[in-house]
Protein backbone atom coordinates (compact mmCIF):
# COMPACT_ATOMS: atom_id res chain seq x y z
CA UNK A 1 59.58 -41.12 110.55
CA UNK A 2 62.50 -40.20 107.97
CA UNK A 3 64.34 -43.59 108.59
CA UNK A 4 61.19 -45.37 108.41
CA UNK A 5 60.61 -43.69 104.66
CA UNK A 6 64.03 -44.37 104.00
CA UNK A 7 64.62 -47.75 104.38
CA UNK A 8 61.20 -48.45 102.39
CA UNK A 9 62.35 -46.61 99.27
CA UNK A 10 65.41 -48.21 99.52
CA UNK A 11 64.10 -51.87 97.60
CA UNK A 12 62.48 -49.68 95.26
CA UNK A 13 65.26 -47.45 94.54
CA UNK A 14 67.59 -51.01 93.81
CA UNK A 15 64.77 -51.87 91.78
CA UNK A 16 64.71 -49.06 89.35
CA UNK A 17 68.65 -49.09 88.89
CA UNK A 18 68.40 -52.47 87.56
CA UNK A 19 65.69 -51.44 85.18
CA UNK A 20 66.93 -48.04 84.03
CA UNK A 21 70.51 -48.90 83.68
CA UNK A 22 69.12 -52.62 82.12
CA UNK A 23 67.57 -50.52 79.58
CA UNK A 24 70.93 -48.19 78.98
CA UNK A 25 72.08 -51.45 78.44
CA UNK A 26 69.83 -52.50 75.97
CA UNK A 27 69.97 -50.16 73.54
CA UNK A 28 73.73 -50.06 74.09
CA UNK A 29 74.02 -54.01 72.52
CA UNK A 30 70.93 -53.22 69.99
CA UNK A 31 72.35 -50.57 68.44
CA UNK A 32 76.22 -50.83 68.20
CA UNK A 33 76.41 -52.92 65.71
CA UNK A 34 75.98 -50.34 62.75
CA UNK A 35 79.48 -48.61 63.02
CA UNK A 36 80.83 -52.13 63.53
CA UNK A 37 79.15 -54.66 60.39
CA UNK A 38 81.27 -52.70 57.83
CA UNK A 39 84.28 -54.18 59.71
CA UNK A 40 83.43 -57.86 60.72
CA UNK A 41 82.04 -58.21 57.11
CA UNK A 42 85.65 -56.91 55.96
CA UNK A 43 87.24 -59.30 58.21
CA UNK A 44 85.18 -62.33 57.90
CA UNK A 45 85.08 -61.75 54.18
CA UNK A 46 81.12 -62.31 54.33
CA UNK A 47 78.87 -61.52 51.54
CA UNK A 48 75.41 -59.54 51.72
CA UNK A 49 73.66 -62.89 51.76
CA UNK A 50 76.01 -64.21 54.60
CA UNK A 51 75.23 -61.13 56.53
CA UNK A 52 71.67 -60.82 56.32
CA UNK A 53 71.84 -65.04 57.55
CA UNK A 54 74.05 -63.75 59.98
CA UNK A 55 71.43 -60.97 61.43
CA UNK A 56 68.54 -63.34 60.84
CA UNK A 57 70.12 -66.23 62.78
CA UNK A 58 70.40 -63.67 65.76
CA UNK A 59 66.67 -62.35 65.14
CA UNK A 60 66.06 -66.23 65.96
CA UNK A 61 68.19 -66.27 68.46
CA UNK A 62 66.17 -63.55 70.03
CA UNK A 63 62.53 -64.66 69.68
CA UNK A 64 63.31 -68.10 71.03
CA UNK A 65 64.80 -65.98 74.42
CA UNK A 66 61.83 -64.52 74.42
CA UNK A 67 59.39 -68.01 74.20
CA UNK A 68 61.06 -68.93 76.68
CA UNK A 69 62.50 -66.55 79.41
CA UNK A 70 58.07 -66.66 81.01
CA UNK A 71 59.16 -70.22 81.63
CA UNK A 72 62.23 -69.55 83.15
CA UNK A 73 60.50 -66.74 85.20
CA UNK A 74 58.40 -69.16 86.78
CA UNK A 75 60.46 -71.47 87.44
CA UNK A 76 63.79 -69.82 88.95
CA UNK A 77 62.29 -66.30 90.20
CA UNK A 78 62.75 -62.92 88.01
CA UNK A 79 65.67 -62.33 90.11
CA UNK A 80 68.24 -65.28 88.49
CA UNK A 81 66.65 -64.24 85.26
CA UNK A 82 67.86 -61.15 84.92
CA UNK A 83 70.86 -62.05 86.02
CA UNK A 84 71.68 -64.81 83.69
CA UNK A 85 70.46 -62.29 81.07
CA UNK A 86 73.18 -60.10 82.18
CA UNK A 87 75.42 -62.37 82.78
CA UNK A 88 74.87 -63.96 78.88
CA UNK A 89 75.14 -60.45 77.14
CA UNK A 90 78.70 -59.97 79.53
CA UNK A 91 79.68 -63.36 78.22
CA UNK A 92 79.40 -62.28 74.49
CA UNK A 93 81.25 -59.52 75.04
CA UNK A 94 84.17 -61.66 76.13
CA UNK A 95 83.56 -64.48 73.60
CA UNK A 96 83.66 -61.78 70.43
CA UNK A 97 86.78 -60.30 71.76
CA UNK A 98 88.38 -63.97 71.61
CA UNK A 99 86.57 -64.77 68.67
CA UNK A 100 88.96 -64.87 65.38
CA UNK A 101 87.27 -67.93 63.50
CA UNK A 102 83.88 -67.00 62.13
CA UNK A 103 82.14 -70.07 63.84
CA UNK A 104 82.76 -68.51 67.54
CA UNK A 105 82.03 -65.29 66.07
CA UNK A 106 78.47 -66.37 65.27
CA UNK A 107 77.91 -68.58 68.03
CA UNK A 108 79.05 -65.99 70.52
CA UNK A 109 76.83 -63.30 68.57
CA UNK A 110 74.05 -65.61 68.81
CA UNK A 111 74.30 -65.51 72.39
CA UNK A 112 74.32 -61.69 72.75
CA UNK A 113 70.82 -61.92 71.36
CA UNK A 114 70.01 -64.64 73.43
CA UNK A 115 70.81 -62.43 76.43
CA UNK A 116 68.44 -59.22 74.52
CA UNK A 117 65.62 -61.44 74.41
CA UNK A 118 65.39 -62.84 77.88
CA UNK A 119 65.95 -58.99 78.92
CA UNK A 120 63.29 -57.59 76.70
CA UNK A 121 61.08 -60.03 78.71
CA UNK A 122 62.52 -59.74 82.33
CA UNK A 123 62.89 -56.08 82.07
CA UNK A 124 58.70 -55.86 80.99
CA UNK A 125 57.66 -58.23 83.53
CA UNK A 126 59.96 -56.26 86.26
CA UNK A 127 58.38 -53.32 85.35
CA UNK A 128 54.92 -54.48 85.02
CA UNK A 129 55.72 -55.80 89.25
CA UNK A 130 56.90 -52.87 90.71
CA UNK A 131 55.27 -49.61 88.42
CA UNK A 132 51.84 -50.01 90.41
CA UNK A 133 51.39 -46.43 90.64
CA UNK A 134 51.86 -44.37 87.88
CA UNK A 135 52.35 -47.56 85.86
CA UNK A 136 52.07 -45.31 82.32
CA UNK A 137 54.58 -42.86 83.45
CA UNK A 138 57.08 -45.01 84.62
CA UNK A 139 56.81 -47.44 81.87
CA UNK A 140 57.65 -44.67 78.97
CA UNK A 141 59.94 -43.35 81.30
CA UNK A 142 62.24 -46.81 81.70
CA UNK A 143 61.77 -47.07 77.60
CA UNK A 144 63.04 -43.72 77.49
CA UNK A 145 66.56 -45.00 79.15
CA UNK A 146 66.24 -47.30 75.65
CA UNK A 147 65.53 -44.28 73.39
CA UNK A 148 68.51 -42.35 74.37
CA UNK A 149 71.26 -45.00 74.90
CA UNK A 150 70.22 -45.76 71.26
CA UNK A 151 71.00 -42.58 70.44
CA UNK A 152 74.35 -42.77 72.30
CA UNK A 153 75.66 -46.29 71.25
CA UNK A 154 76.68 -45.82 67.43
CA UNK A 155 78.33 -42.51 68.25
CA UNK A 156 79.99 -44.29 71.85
CA UNK A 157 80.76 -47.44 68.85
CA UNK A 158 82.30 -45.05 66.51
CA UNK A 159 84.62 -43.55 68.89
CA UNK A 160 85.54 -46.71 70.86
CA UNK A 161 86.72 -48.42 67.90
CA UNK A 162 89.22 -45.83 67.70
CA UNK A 163 90.62 -46.01 70.65
CA UNK A 164 94.11 -46.85 70.73
CA UNK A 165 96.08 -48.21 74.52
CA UNK A 166 99.18 -48.16 73.63
CA UNK A 167 100.16 -50.26 70.22
CA UNK A 168 96.56 -52.11 71.16
CA UNK A 169 93.36 -50.61 68.78
CA UNK A 170 90.23 -51.42 70.58
CA UNK A 171 88.35 -51.85 67.23
CA UNK A 172 85.19 -53.65 66.84
CA UNK A 173 85.89 -56.44 68.80
CA UNK A 174 87.15 -54.16 71.83
CA UNK A 175 84.73 -52.06 71.48
CA UNK A 176 82.14 -55.01 71.98
CA UNK A 177 83.80 -56.02 75.19
CA UNK A 178 83.69 -52.46 76.51
CA UNK A 179 80.42 -52.12 75.82
CA UNK A 180 79.11 -55.18 77.22
CA UNK A 181 80.74 -55.79 79.72
CA UNK A 182 79.06 -52.49 81.27
CA UNK A 183 76.31 -55.35 82.03
CA UNK A 184 77.84 -56.23 85.06
CA UNK A 185 76.65 -53.00 86.75
CA UNK A 186 73.17 -53.95 86.97
CA UNK A 187 74.10 -57.24 88.03
CA UNK A 188 75.67 -55.62 91.10
CA UNK A 189 72.41 -54.15 91.92
CA UNK A 190 70.23 -57.09 90.92
CA UNK A 191 71.92 -59.46 93.03
CA UNK A 192 71.47 -57.27 96.41
CA UNK A 193 67.88 -56.63 95.32
CA UNK A 194 64.70 -58.37 95.93
CA UNK A 195 61.64 -58.23 93.39
CA UNK A 196 58.15 -58.81 94.13
CA UNK A 197 55.54 -61.52 92.49
CA UNK A 198 58.08 -65.10 92.62
CA UNK A 199 56.06 -65.58 95.49
CA UNK A 200 52.78 -65.66 93.82
CA UNK A 201 51.94 -69.55 93.75
CA UNK A 202 51.11 -71.69 90.47
CA UNK A 203 47.35 -71.99 91.45
CA UNK A 204 46.80 -68.36 91.41
CA UNK A 205 48.60 -66.95 88.38
CA UNK A 206 46.44 -66.92 85.43
CA UNK A 207 46.08 -69.77 83.17
CA UNK A 208 47.81 -69.17 79.65
CA UNK A 209 44.32 -70.80 77.83
CA UNK A 210 42.12 -68.55 79.54
CA UNK A 211 44.32 -65.51 78.25
CA UNK A 212 44.20 -66.73 74.68
CA UNK A 213 40.48 -66.64 74.70
CA UNK A 214 40.95 -62.77 75.84
CA UNK A 215 40.04 -60.97 72.65
CA UNK A 216 42.04 -58.24 74.18
CA UNK A 217 45.21 -60.00 74.43
CA UNK A 218 44.78 -60.56 70.44
CA UNK A 219 43.75 -56.61 69.78
CA UNK A 220 47.28 -55.69 72.05
CA UNK A 221 49.36 -57.74 69.53
CA UNK A 222 47.80 -57.05 66.53
CA UNK A 223 48.33 -52.99 68.30
CA UNK A 224 52.10 -54.08 69.28
CA UNK A 225 53.26 -55.51 66.18
CA UNK A 226 51.99 -52.72 64.01
CA UNK A 227 53.61 -50.31 66.33
CA UNK A 228 56.58 -51.84 67.05
CA UNK A 229 57.16 -52.42 63.04
CA UNK A 230 56.57 -48.70 62.24
CA UNK A 231 58.72 -47.83 64.90
CA UNK A 232 61.93 -50.51 63.82
CA UNK A 233 61.46 -49.43 60.11
CA UNK A 234 62.14 -46.10 60.45
CA UNK A 235 65.66 -47.31 61.60
CA UNK A 236 66.34 -48.62 58.54
CA UNK A 237 64.69 -46.88 55.94
CA UNK A 238 64.60 -43.52 56.69
CA UNK A 239 67.59 -42.39 55.83
CA UNK A 240 67.10 -44.23 52.41
CA UNK A 241 64.12 -42.39 51.78
CA UNK A 242 65.94 -38.80 52.13
CA UNK A 243 69.23 -40.36 50.48
CA UNK A 244 67.37 -41.50 46.84
CA UNK A 245 64.29 -38.97 47.28
CA UNK A 246 65.63 -35.50 47.77
CA UNK A 247 69.52 -35.99 47.48
CA UNK A 248 70.28 -35.38 51.28
CA UNK A 249 73.91 -36.11 52.52
CA UNK A 250 74.50 -38.87 54.70
CA UNK A 251 75.40 -37.08 57.33
CA UNK A 252 72.15 -35.16 57.01
CA UNK A 253 69.90 -37.84 56.53
CA UNK A 254 71.44 -39.62 59.67
CA UNK A 255 71.20 -36.35 61.75
CA UNK A 256 67.55 -36.41 60.58
CA UNK A 257 67.25 -40.02 62.11
CA UNK A 258 69.23 -38.92 65.60
CA UNK A 259 66.21 -36.30 65.46
CA UNK A 260 63.68 -38.50 65.35
CA UNK A 261 65.36 -40.74 68.13
CA UNK A 262 65.26 -37.76 70.23
CA UNK A 263 62.27 -37.15 69.67
CA UNK A 264 61.36 -40.68 70.88
CA UNK A 265 63.12 -40.22 73.60
CA UNK A 266 61.34 -37.11 74.72
CA UNK A 267 58.01 -38.63 73.78
CA UNK A 268 58.58 -41.11 76.13
CA UNK A 269 60.47 -39.55 78.93
CA UNK A 270 57.73 -36.40 79.49
CA UNK A 271 54.38 -37.52 77.97
CA UNK A 272 54.28 -41.07 79.78
CA UNK A 273 52.37 -39.09 82.46
CA UNK A 274 49.50 -38.74 79.96
CA UNK A 275 48.51 -41.74 79.20
CA UNK A 276 47.90 -42.44 82.86
CA UNK A 277 45.46 -39.47 82.93
CA UNK A 278 43.27 -40.39 79.96
CA UNK A 279 43.90 -43.67 80.33
CA UNK A 280 46.06 -46.52 78.03
CA UNK A 281 43.72 -47.30 75.15
CA UNK A 282 42.88 -43.90 74.50
CA UNK A 283 46.89 -42.68 74.50
CA UNK A 284 47.33 -45.71 71.93
CA UNK A 285 44.79 -44.34 69.67
CA UNK A 286 45.79 -40.55 70.18
CA UNK A 287 49.78 -41.12 69.85
CA UNK A 288 49.30 -43.67 67.17
CA UNK A 289 47.31 -41.25 64.70
CA UNK A 290 49.50 -38.48 65.67
CA UNK A 291 52.52 -40.61 64.67
CA UNK A 292 50.74 -41.57 61.07
CA UNK A 293 49.71 -38.03 60.51
CA UNK A 294 53.05 -36.96 60.73
CA UNK A 295 54.70 -39.81 58.95
CA UNK A 296 52.09 -39.58 55.74
CA UNK A 297 52.83 -35.66 55.60
CA UNK A 298 56.35 -36.16 55.50
CA UNK A 299 56.09 -38.13 52.66
CA UNK A 300 53.65 -36.50 50.38
CA UNK A 301 54.14 -32.44 51.62
CA UNK A 302 57.69 -32.69 49.97
CA UNK A 303 60.96 -31.75 51.37
CA UNK A 304 60.08 -29.07 53.37
CA UNK A 305 58.64 -30.67 55.94
CA UNK A 306 60.83 -33.78 56.10
CA UNK A 307 61.29 -32.25 59.59
CA UNK A 308 57.81 -33.99 60.34
CA UNK A 309 59.85 -37.82 59.76
CA UNK A 310 61.41 -37.04 63.32
CA UNK A 311 58.00 -35.43 64.87
CA UNK A 312 56.73 -38.95 64.28
CA UNK A 313 58.72 -40.10 66.54
CA UNK A 314 56.93 -38.68 69.60
CA UNK A 315 53.96 -40.53 68.67
CA UNK A 316 55.16 -43.97 68.04
CA UNK A 317 57.60 -43.94 71.00
CA UNK A 318 54.41 -44.30 73.13
CA UNK A 319 53.33 -47.36 71.82
CA UNK A 320 54.97 -50.24 73.14
CA UNK A 321 55.76 -48.79 76.72
CA UNK A 322 51.60 -47.76 77.10
CA UNK A 323 50.70 -51.58 75.85
CA UNK A 324 53.18 -52.74 78.79
CA UNK A 325 51.68 -50.46 81.13
CA UNK A 326 48.02 -51.81 80.36
CA UNK A 327 49.14 -55.78 80.44
CA UNK A 328 50.15 -54.99 83.94
CA UNK A 329 46.61 -53.50 85.12
CA UNK A 330 44.92 -56.48 83.18
CA UNK A 331 47.32 -58.97 84.13
CA UNK A 332 48.26 -58.52 87.67
CA UNK A 333 48.68 -62.29 88.14
CA UNK A 334 49.70 -63.33 84.71
CA UNK A 335 51.75 -60.34 83.29
CA UNK A 336 55.03 -62.62 82.47
CA UNK A 337 52.90 -64.78 80.39
CA UNK A 338 51.00 -62.18 78.59
CA UNK A 339 54.29 -60.10 77.76
CA UNK A 340 56.38 -63.37 76.68
CA UNK A 341 53.36 -63.79 74.11
CA UNK A 342 53.03 -60.42 72.84
CA UNK A 343 56.11 -59.55 72.55
CA UNK A 344 57.12 -63.31 70.75
CA UNK A 345 54.21 -62.52 68.44
CA UNK A 346 55.17 -58.27 67.76
CA UNK A 347 59.11 -60.17 66.98
CA UNK A 348 57.21 -62.42 64.10
CA UNK A 349 55.15 -59.98 62.55
CA UNK A 350 58.03 -57.48 62.32
CA UNK A 351 60.14 -59.71 60.55
CA UNK A 352 57.02 -60.12 57.97
CA UNK A 353 56.78 -56.01 58.04
CA UNK A 354 60.26 -54.88 56.92
CA UNK A 355 59.65 -57.91 54.10
CA UNK A 356 56.60 -55.84 52.86
CA UNK A 357 57.92 -52.64 53.34
CA UNK A 358 60.76 -53.71 50.61
CA UNK A 359 58.23 -55.47 48.30
CA UNK A 360 56.01 -52.75 48.09
CA UNK A 361 58.53 -49.98 47.33
CA UNK A 362 60.26 -52.11 44.43
CA UNK A 363 56.46 -53.24 42.86
CA UNK A 364 55.68 -49.71 42.83
CA UNK A 365 58.99 -48.90 41.55
CA UNK A 366 58.04 -51.26 38.29
CA UNK A 367 55.21 -50.30 37.48
CA UNK A 368 55.83 -46.65 37.63
CA UNK A 369 59.24 -46.88 34.98
CA UNK A 370 61.82 -48.19 37.29
CA UNK A 371 64.78 -46.13 35.20
CA UNK A 372 63.15 -42.77 35.96
CA UNK A 373 63.41 -40.79 38.68
CA UNK A 374 59.60 -40.21 39.43
CA UNK A 375 59.20 -44.42 39.53
CA UNK A 376 62.16 -44.69 42.11
CA UNK A 377 60.60 -41.59 44.00
CA UNK A 378 56.71 -43.69 43.86
CA UNK A 379 58.37 -46.45 45.05
CA UNK A 380 60.07 -45.29 47.91
CA UNK A 381 56.77 -42.95 48.81
CA UNK A 382 54.94 -46.32 48.86
CA UNK A 383 57.56 -48.06 50.84
CA UNK A 384 57.42 -45.72 53.65
CA UNK A 385 53.77 -45.29 53.44
CA UNK A 386 53.65 -48.86 54.78
CA UNK A 387 55.05 -47.36 57.89
CA UNK A 388 52.51 -44.63 58.17
CA UNK A 389 49.81 -47.49 57.43
CA UNK A 390 50.69 -49.20 60.53
CA UNK A 391 51.17 -46.60 62.88
CA UNK A 392 47.08 -45.64 61.29
CA UNK A 393 46.16 -49.45 61.58
CA UNK A 394 46.98 -48.97 65.24
CA UNK A 395 44.88 -46.25 65.95
CA UNK A 396 41.84 -48.12 64.00
CA UNK A 397 42.82 -51.44 66.32
CA UNK A 398 42.59 -49.07 69.09
CA UNK A 399 39.66 -47.54 68.53
CA UNK A 400 37.53 -50.58 67.99
CA UNK A 401 39.61 -51.93 71.42
CA UNK A 402 38.34 -48.79 73.41
CA UNK A 403 34.58 -49.14 71.64
CA UNK A 404 34.69 -53.18 73.03
CA UNK A 405 35.99 -52.28 76.53
CA UNK A 406 33.53 -49.43 77.26
CA UNK A 407 30.59 -51.45 76.20
CA UNK A 408 32.16 -53.88 79.44
CA UNK A 409 32.83 -51.27 81.39
CA UNK A 410 37.08 -52.43 81.65
CA UNK A 411 38.47 -49.39 80.12
CA UNK A 412 41.94 -48.61 81.60
């Protein structure tokens, strides 16, 4: 009996290894750029506008990859797609290391984001296929590895750039090479794994047109978009807020951001089990409300409650993986298409969201008196309030969705 059980568990263990290590690699690839960007900008003599264009181009590559990954999954199967995603990231590390001209570097960086986009969809689709039991807990747990690697990534990147082997300093090129070559590890696990779902016949798959007619899918797009805007915007705006509003040193402000990611990781790793017990939609309502309340109190409650900025991470962390768990349960034969659609729409919304935060901050600052500290503070509070508002909109949309599903007795 023990031997039979071990044999049954082996494929699942290999699948878990691909997902968990995949999310670690994903977190590394997205968050090692912080310490490297100033050096890249200096070496290639990039202006702020050129740097912004580089990052925008890569975000476009990410969205493009998100849009075609579901098609490739149906065409080649999830196993090949995962190997290609990890392989493109490993190759991009080699090309970044070899790049001496800006053109080659930007092309290599673009390739890395193509791999990131494929990995985002691939991991979500794979999770939807294999997490058939305790789906919410397992989705949140796997995404928790992304949060943990996001905490470690900037520190690891900064440390690697200072490593000297003989007379050779790794610097940013060597750092990217080392970090991205870690993608070889999940490739090896993927090659010896078997993944479910590829044997579903085309006629048995849920048609895309049917998905688009489902109001629930559009609710999910709305919730996911505002949830991710609220999640990602913290990384770009929290340190800025604490430094300018309260005069914090960069180290202290960055420490609060790290605390946010720690709370974020804690939420995903330990609280996912709650989503399975109380239901996914109710979980979305409760956790997004917690994030919104913590954010607004932190903004307007003054420096003494600044710790609530970090605490908001516990709530907002649950949105993305819980939506993925809901998709896995509601669309078992169309999860790849549903995931691709929601994530692609989310990506477009996320780009717009960050612009809105900046615009609101500037408008309120100008109307309040640009040269005064009071004006600056009001602008910062207004801009950061957009992050809290996004979480609140998740709550409202979740409540409407809960009522909609309850009437049809389709609550998951």
